[in-house]
Amino acid sequence: MRNLAMQASGREGVSTMGKWGRIAVHAMVAAAFMFVLQHFTLNATLETSLVWALIFAGCAAGLAYAQANR
């Protein structure tokens, strides 16, 4: 329904945040979530928490990229 309204108004491709911005935000949120989970909830070391955060950020960015290109 939203796409029809955007097409009718001529604003189909206009967005405030582009594809790469959404991918970056998705990766940052996933990294922050994993860091908080590992470091504060599971009491992991800082290094372990950062490594898991980077891994999850990479996976989240890959997933967001795949979804953005559908």
Protein backbone atom coordinates (compact mmCIF):
# COMPACT_ATOMS: atom_id res chain seq x y z
CA MET A 1 0.00 0.00 0.00
CA ARG A 2 2.80 2.39 0.86
CA ASN A 3 4.54 1.72 -2.45
CA LEU A 4 1.39 2.66 -4.33
CA ALA A 5 1.14 5.94 -2.45
CA MET A 6 4.82 6.70 -3.11
CA GLN A 7 4.45 5.88 -6.80
CA ALA A 8 1.36 8.07 -7.07
CA SER A 9 3.14 11.02 -5.48
CA GLY A 10 6.25 10.53 -7.61
CA ARG A 11 8.52 9.87 -4.60
CA GLU A 12 9.28 6.23 -5.31
CA GLY A 13 13.07 6.36 -4.98
CA VAL A 14 13.39 9.14 -2.40
CA SER A 15 14.55 8.19 1.09
CA THR A 16 16.42 9.98 3.85
CA MET A 17 18.86 7.10 4.33
CA GLY A 18 20.26 5.16 1.40
CA LYS A 19 20.90 1.45 1.10
CA TRP A 20 24.40 1.67 2.58
CA GLY A 21 23.16 3.71 5.52
CA ARG A 22 20.58 1.07 6.39
CA ILE A 23 23.23 -1.65 6.10
CA ALA A 24 25.57 0.28 8.42
CA VAL A 25 22.84 0.89 10.98
CA HIS A 26 21.86 -2.78 10.91
CA ALA A 27 25.48 -3.80 11.51
CA MET A 28 25.97 -1.28 14.34
CA VAL A 29 22.81 -2.36 16.15
CA ALA A 30 23.78 -6.03 15.87
CA ALA A 31 27.29 -5.29 17.16
CA ALA A 32 25.97 -3.26 20.10
CA PHE A 33 23.46 -5.96 20.99
CA MET A 34 26.08 -8.70 20.92
CA PHE A 35 28.59 -6.66 22.89
CA VAL A 36 26.07 -5.91 25.65
CA LEU A 37 24.92 -9.53 25.71
CA GLN A 38 28.44 -10.94 25.93
CA HIS A 39 30.06 -8.39 28.21
CA PHE A 40 27.34 -7.56 30.70
CA THR A 41 24.99 -10.54 30.65
CA LEU A 42 27.42 -13.41 30.12
CA ASN A 43 30.37 -11.68 31.85
CA ALA A 44 32.81 -12.37 29.00
CA THR A 45 36.10 -10.53 28.73
CA LEU A 46 36.33 -7.29 26.78
CA GLU A 47 38.35 -8.89 23.98
CA THR A 48 35.90 -11.77 23.55
CA SER A 49 32.95 -9.40 23.56
CA LEU A 50 34.55 -7.22 20.88
CA VAL A 51 35.38 -10.20 18.68
CA TRP A 52 31.80 -11.49 18.87
CA ALA A 53 30.47 -8.00 18.21
CA LEU A 54 32.61 -7.74 15.05
CA ILE A 55 31.51 -11.18 13.88
CA PHE A 56 27.84 -10.34 14.36
CA ALA A 57 28.28 -6.96 12.70
CA GLY A 58 29.77 -8.62 9.64
CA CYS A 59 27.00 -11.20 9.48
CA ALA A 60 24.31 -8.55 9.96
CA ALA A 61 25.83 -6.37 7.24
CA GLY A 62 25.91 -9.33 4.87
CA LEU A 63 22.30 -10.18 5.62
CA ALA A 64 21.19 -6.56 5.22
CA TYR A 65 23.08 -6.32 1.91
CA ALA A 66 21.43 -9.47 0.61
CA GLN A 67 17.99 -8.17 1.61
CA ALA A 68 18.62 -4.76 0.09
CA ASN A 69 19.44 -6.32 -3.28
CA ARG A 70 16.23 -8.37 -3.51
